[in-house]
């Protein structure tokens, strides 16, 4: 086994390491690692939080049923929604939904 202290040029490494460990520590405190997050990093975290929030809200929305969309498109082509009775029923339902009636 080789004693590194006896290898020429390595003894100063131990001294420098000891000095570096002692710098920045108050009496009785152990060395502590620190992490600093840049402004860009904080902005990315906020953006990620917003994206996660939107994804969660999207999951709460009902699934889109393609066959229902096709049915509505067909009714639009036929002019179903241009009838007075359908328009009145639509307006009534919107007003009820928002508590205006």
N, C-alpha and C. Protein backbone atom coordinates (compact mmCIF):
# COMPACT_ATOMS: atom_id res chain seq x y z
N UNK A 1 0.85 -1.17 0.00
CA UNK A 1 0.00 0.00 0.00
C UNK A 1 0.89 1.24 0.00
N UNK A 2 0.53 2.22 -0.80
CA UNK A 2 1.34 3.41 -0.95
C UNK A 2 0.81 4.49 -0.02
N UNK A 3 1.70 5.15 0.68
CA UNK A 3 1.33 6.27 1.54
C UNK A 3 1.39 7.53 0.69
N UNK A 4 0.24 8.12 0.43
CA UNK A 4 0.18 9.27 -0.46
C UNK A 4 0.91 10.48 0.09
N UNK A 5 1.01 10.59 1.41
CA UNK A 5 1.72 11.73 1.99
C UNK A 5 3.20 11.70 1.64
N UNK A 6 3.73 10.53 1.37
CA UNK A 6 5.15 10.42 1.06
C UNK A 6 5.42 10.62 -0.42
N UNK A 7 4.37 10.57 -1.24
CA UNK A 7 4.57 10.78 -2.66
C UNK A 7 4.83 12.27 -2.87
N UNK A 8 5.88 12.55 -3.61
CA UNK A 8 6.28 13.94 -3.80
C UNK A 8 5.17 14.76 -4.46
N UNK A 9 4.88 15.91 -3.89
CA UNK A 9 3.91 16.82 -4.47
C UNK A 9 2.48 16.61 -3.99
N UNK A 10 2.22 15.64 -3.14
CA UNK A 10 0.83 15.41 -2.71
C UNK A 10 0.55 15.91 -1.31
N UNK A 11 1.56 16.16 -0.51
CA UNK A 11 1.31 16.56 0.87
C UNK A 11 0.58 17.91 0.94
N UNK A 12 0.82 18.78 -0.01
CA UNK A 12 0.16 20.08 0.01
C UNK A 12 -1.35 19.94 -0.29
N UNK A 13 -1.74 18.87 -0.98
CA UNK A 13 -3.16 18.67 -1.27
C UNK A 13 -3.97 18.49 0.01
N UNK A 14 -3.42 17.76 0.97
CA UNK A 14 -4.12 17.55 2.25
C UNK A 14 -4.27 18.88 2.99
N UNK A 15 -3.23 19.70 2.97
CA UNK A 15 -3.28 21.00 3.63
C UNK A 15 -4.32 21.90 2.99
N UNK A 16 -4.34 21.97 1.65
CA UNK A 16 -5.29 22.80 0.93
C UNK A 16 -6.72 22.30 1.18
N UNK A 17 -6.89 20.98 1.19
CA UNK A 17 -8.22 20.42 1.44
C UNK A 17 -8.71 20.78 2.84
N UNK A 18 -7.82 20.70 3.81
CA UNK A 18 -8.19 21.04 5.19
C UNK A 18 -8.54 22.52 5.29
N UNK A 19 -7.76 23.38 4.65
CA UNK A 19 -8.04 24.82 4.66
C UNK A 19 -9.38 25.13 4.00
N UNK A 20 -9.65 24.47 2.89
CA UNK A 20 -10.92 24.68 2.19
C UNK A 20 -12.11 24.25 3.04
N UNK A 21 -11.95 23.16 3.78
CA UNK A 21 -13.03 22.69 4.64
C UNK A 21 -13.28 23.64 5.79
N UNK A 22 -12.22 24.30 6.24
CA UNK A 22 -12.37 25.21 7.37
C UNK A 22 -12.92 26.57 6.96
N UNK A 23 -12.72 26.96 5.72
CA UNK A 23 -13.23 28.23 5.24
C UNK A 23 -14.75 28.21 5.22
N UNK A 24 -15.35 29.30 5.61
CA UNK A 24 -16.79 29.42 5.51
C UNK A 24 -17.58 28.69 6.57
N UNK A 25 -16.92 28.05 7.52
CA UNK A 25 -17.66 27.37 8.58
C UNK A 25 -17.47 28.15 9.87
N UNK A 26 -18.58 28.33 10.56
CA UNK A 26 -18.51 28.99 11.86
C UNK A 26 -18.17 27.96 12.91
N UNK A 27 -17.77 28.43 14.03
CA UNK A 27 -17.38 27.55 15.11
C UNK A 27 -18.55 26.63 15.48
N UNK A 28 -18.32 25.35 15.50
CA UNK A 28 -19.34 24.38 15.87
C UNK A 28 -20.24 23.96 14.73
N UNK A 29 -20.09 24.56 13.56
CA UNK A 29 -20.92 24.19 12.42
C UNK A 29 -20.16 23.25 11.51
N UNK A 30 -20.89 22.30 10.97
CA UNK A 30 -20.29 21.39 10.00
C UNK A 30 -20.45 22.01 8.62
N UNK A 31 -19.62 21.57 7.70
CA UNK A 31 -19.77 22.03 6.31
C UNK A 31 -21.13 21.60 5.81
N UNK A 32 -21.79 22.49 5.11
CA UNK A 32 -23.10 22.16 4.56
C UNK A 32 -23.08 22.48 3.07
N UNK A 33 -23.69 21.59 2.31
CA UNK A 33 -23.83 21.84 0.89
C UNK A 33 -24.94 22.87 0.69
N UNK A 34 -24.79 23.65 -0.35
CA UNK A 34 -25.80 24.65 -0.68
C UNK A 34 -26.21 24.49 -2.13
N UNK A 35 -27.45 24.77 -2.36
CA UNK A 35 -27.96 24.75 -3.72
C UNK A 35 -28.60 26.09 -3.98
N UNK A 36 -28.24 26.70 -5.07
CA UNK A 36 -28.86 27.95 -5.47
C UNK A 36 -29.52 27.75 -6.82
N UNK A 37 -30.76 28.20 -6.93
CA UNK A 37 -31.50 28.07 -8.18
C UNK A 37 -31.51 29.44 -8.86
N UNK A 38 -31.10 29.45 -10.10
CA UNK A 38 -31.03 30.70 -10.85
C UNK A 38 -32.43 31.25 -11.12
N UNK A 39 -32.47 32.50 -11.54
CA UNK A 39 -33.76 33.11 -11.89
C UNK A 39 -34.41 32.35 -13.04
N UNK A 40 -33.60 31.90 -13.99
CA UNK A 40 -34.13 31.11 -15.11
C UNK A 40 -34.69 29.79 -14.61
N UNK A 41 -34.01 29.19 -13.66
CA UNK A 41 -34.50 27.93 -13.08
C UNK A 41 -35.81 28.12 -12.35
N UNK A 42 -35.92 29.21 -11.59
CA UNK A 42 -37.18 29.49 -10.88
C UNK A 42 -38.30 29.74 -11.88
N UNK A 43 -37.98 30.45 -12.98
CA UNK A 43 -39.00 30.69 -14.01
C UNK A 43 -39.46 29.37 -14.64
N UNK A 44 -38.52 28.48 -14.87
CA UNK A 44 -38.87 27.17 -15.42
C UNK A 44 -39.75 26.38 -14.45
N UNK A 45 -39.44 26.47 -13.16
CA UNK A 45 -40.26 25.79 -12.16
C UNK A 45 -41.69 26.34 -12.15
N UNK A 46 -41.82 27.66 -12.24
CA UNK A 46 -43.16 28.27 -12.28
C UNK A 46 -43.90 27.83 -13.54
N UNK A 47 -43.18 27.79 -14.66
CA UNK A 47 -43.80 27.36 -15.91
C UNK A 47 -44.24 25.90 -15.81
N UNK A 48 -43.39 25.07 -15.24
CA UNK A 48 -43.73 23.65 -15.09
C UNK A 48 -44.95 23.49 -14.19
N UNK A 49 -45.02 24.29 -13.13
CA UNK A 49 -46.17 24.24 -12.24
C UNK A 49 -47.44 24.61 -12.99
N UNK A 50 -47.37 25.66 -13.81
CA UNK A 50 -48.53 26.09 -14.59
C UNK A 50 -48.95 25.01 -15.58
N UNK A 51 -47.99 24.39 -16.24
CA UNK A 51 -48.29 23.32 -17.19
C UNK A 51 -48.95 22.15 -16.47
N UNK A 52 -48.42 21.78 -15.32
CA UNK A 52 -49.01 20.68 -14.55
C UNK A 52 -50.43 21.01 -14.12
N UNK A 53 -50.67 22.26 -13.75
CA UNK A 53 -52.01 22.68 -13.34
C UNK A 53 -52.98 22.59 -14.52
N UNK A 54 -52.56 23.06 -15.69
CA UNK A 54 -53.41 22.99 -16.88
C UNK A 54 -53.69 21.54 -17.25
N UNK A 55 -52.68 20.69 -17.18
CA UNK A 55 -52.88 19.27 -17.49
C UNK A 55 -53.90 18.65 -16.55
N UNK A 56 -53.81 18.99 -15.27
CA UNK A 56 -54.75 18.45 -14.30
C UNK A 56 -56.17 18.91 -14.61
N UNK A 57 -56.31 20.18 -14.98
CA UNK A 57 -57.64 20.71 -15.31
C UNK A 57 -58.19 20.06 -16.58
N UNK A 58 -57.31 19.82 -17.55
CA UNK A 58 -57.75 19.17 -18.79
C UNK A 58 -58.25 17.76 -18.53
N UNK A 59 -57.63 17.07 -17.59
CA UNK A 59 -58.06 15.71 -17.25
C UNK A 59 -59.47 15.71 -16.66
N UNK A 60 -59.88 16.84 -16.07
CA UNK A 60 -61.21 16.94 -15.48
C UNK A 60 -62.29 17.14 -16.54
N UNK A 61 -61.90 17.57 -17.73
CA UNK A 61 -62.88 17.81 -18.79
C UNK A 61 -63.41 16.47 -19.31
N UNK A 62 -64.66 16.47 -19.75
CA UNK A 62 -65.21 15.23 -20.31
C UNK A 62 -64.52 14.87 -21.62
N UNK A 63 -64.53 13.59 -21.91
CA UNK A 63 -63.95 13.12 -23.16
C UNK A 63 -64.77 13.62 -24.34
N UNK A 64 -64.11 13.89 -25.42
CA UNK A 64 -64.78 14.31 -26.65
C UNK A 64 -65.25 13.05 -27.36
N UNK A 65 -66.51 13.05 -27.70
CA UNK A 65 -67.05 11.89 -28.43
C UNK A 65 -67.17 12.28 -29.91
N UNK A 66 -66.35 11.68 -30.71
CA UNK A 66 -66.26 12.02 -32.12
C UNK A 66 -67.60 11.82 -32.82
N UNK A 67 -68.33 10.77 -32.45
CA UNK A 67 -69.62 10.53 -33.11
C UNK A 67 -70.63 11.64 -32.82
N UNK A 68 -70.54 12.22 -31.61
CA UNK A 68 -71.44 13.33 -31.25
C UNK A 68 -71.08 14.58 -32.07
N UNK A 69 -69.80 14.82 -32.28
CA UNK A 69 -69.36 15.96 -33.09
C UNK A 69 -69.85 15.80 -34.52
N UNK A 70 -69.75 14.59 -35.04
CA UNK A 70 -70.22 14.34 -36.41
C UNK A 70 -71.73 14.57 -36.51
N UNK A 71 -72.47 14.16 -35.48
CA UNK A 71 -73.91 14.35 -35.48
C UNK A 71 -74.27 15.84 -35.49
N UNK A 72 -73.56 16.63 -34.68
CA UNK A 72 -73.82 18.08 -34.64
C UNK A 72 -73.47 18.71 -35.98
N UNK A 73 -72.35 18.32 -36.56
CA UNK A 73 -71.97 18.87 -37.87
C UNK A 73 -73.03 18.56 -38.93
N UNK A 74 -73.57 17.37 -38.91
CA UNK A 74 -74.62 16.98 -39.86
C UNK A 74 -75.87 17.84 -39.65
N UNK A 75 -76.24 18.05 -38.38
CA UNK A 75 -77.42 18.86 -38.08
C UNK A 75 -77.22 20.31 -38.54
N UNK A 76 -75.98 20.80 -38.42
CA UNK A 76 -75.69 22.17 -38.89
C UNK A 76 -75.86 22.25 -40.40
N UNK A 77 -75.37 21.24 -41.11
CA UNK A 77 -75.51 21.22 -42.58
C UNK A 77 -76.98 21.17 -42.99
N UNK A 78 -77.79 20.47 -42.21
CA UNK A 78 -79.22 20.33 -42.52
C UNK A 78 -80.01 21.58 -42.12
N UNK A 79 -79.40 22.49 -41.37
CA UNK A 79 -80.09 23.70 -40.95
C UNK A 79 -80.92 23.54 -39.69
N UNK A 80 -80.70 22.45 -38.97
CA UNK A 80 -81.47 22.16 -37.75
C UNK A 80 -81.39 23.30 -36.74
N UNK A 81 -80.23 23.89 -36.59
CA UNK A 81 -80.03 24.93 -35.57
C UNK A 81 -80.53 26.31 -36.02
N UNK A 82 -81.01 26.41 -37.24
CA UNK A 82 -81.56 27.68 -37.73
C UNK A 82 -83.05 27.82 -37.41
N UNK A 83 -83.64 26.79 -36.88
CA UNK A 83 -85.07 26.83 -36.56
C UNK A 83 -85.29 27.69 -35.31
N UNK A 84 -86.40 28.42 -35.30
CA UNK A 84 -86.71 29.31 -34.17
C UNK A 84 -86.84 28.57 -32.85
N UNK A 85 -87.51 27.40 -32.87
CA UNK A 85 -87.71 26.65 -31.63
C UNK A 85 -86.38 26.15 -31.05
N UNK A 86 -85.46 25.76 -31.89
CA UNK A 86 -84.14 25.28 -31.44
C UNK A 86 -83.33 26.45 -30.89
N UNK A 87 -83.38 27.59 -31.56
CA UNK A 87 -82.63 28.75 -31.09
C UNK A 87 -83.17 29.24 -29.75
N UNK A 88 -84.50 29.24 -29.58
CA UNK A 88 -85.08 29.66 -28.32
C UNK A 88 -84.69 28.70 -27.19
N UNK A 89 -84.74 27.41 -27.47
CA UNK A 89 -84.36 26.41 -26.47
C UNK A 89 -82.89 26.56 -26.09
N UNK A 90 -82.05 26.87 -27.05
CA UNK A 90 -80.62 27.06 -26.79
C UNK A 90 -80.39 28.26 -25.89
N UNK A 91 -81.04 29.37 -26.20
CA UNK A 91 -80.90 30.58 -25.40
C UNK A 91 -81.41 30.32 -23.97
N UNK A 92 -82.56 29.66 -23.85
CA UNK A 92 -83.10 29.35 -22.53
C UNK A 92 -82.13 28.51 -21.71
N UNK A 93 -81.54 27.53 -22.34
CA UNK A 93 -80.61 26.65 -21.63
C UNK A 93 -79.35 27.40 -21.19
N UNK A 94 -78.84 28.29 -22.02
CA UNK A 94 -77.67 29.09 -21.66
C UNK A 94 -77.99 29.98 -20.47
N UNK A 95 -79.15 30.64 -20.52
CA UNK A 95 -79.55 31.51 -19.41
C UNK A 95 -79.71 30.73 -18.11
N UNK A 96 -80.29 29.55 -18.17
CA UNK A 96 -80.44 28.70 -16.99
C UNK A 96 -79.08 28.25 -16.45
N UNK A 97 -78.18 27.91 -17.35
CA UNK A 97 -76.85 27.43 -16.94
C UNK A 97 -76.12 28.50 -16.13
N UNK A 98 -76.24 29.75 -16.53
CA UNK A 98 -75.54 30.84 -15.84
C UNK A 98 -76.41 31.53 -14.79
N UNK A 99 -77.54 30.92 -14.46
CA UNK A 99 -78.38 31.45 -13.39
C UNK A 99 -79.04 32.78 -13.72
N UNK A 100 -79.25 33.02 -14.99
CA UNK A 100 -79.86 34.29 -15.41
C UNK A 100 -81.36 34.15 -15.64
N UNK A 101 -81.87 33.00 -15.39
CA UNK A 101 -83.30 32.79 -15.55
C UNK A 101 -83.78 31.85 -14.48
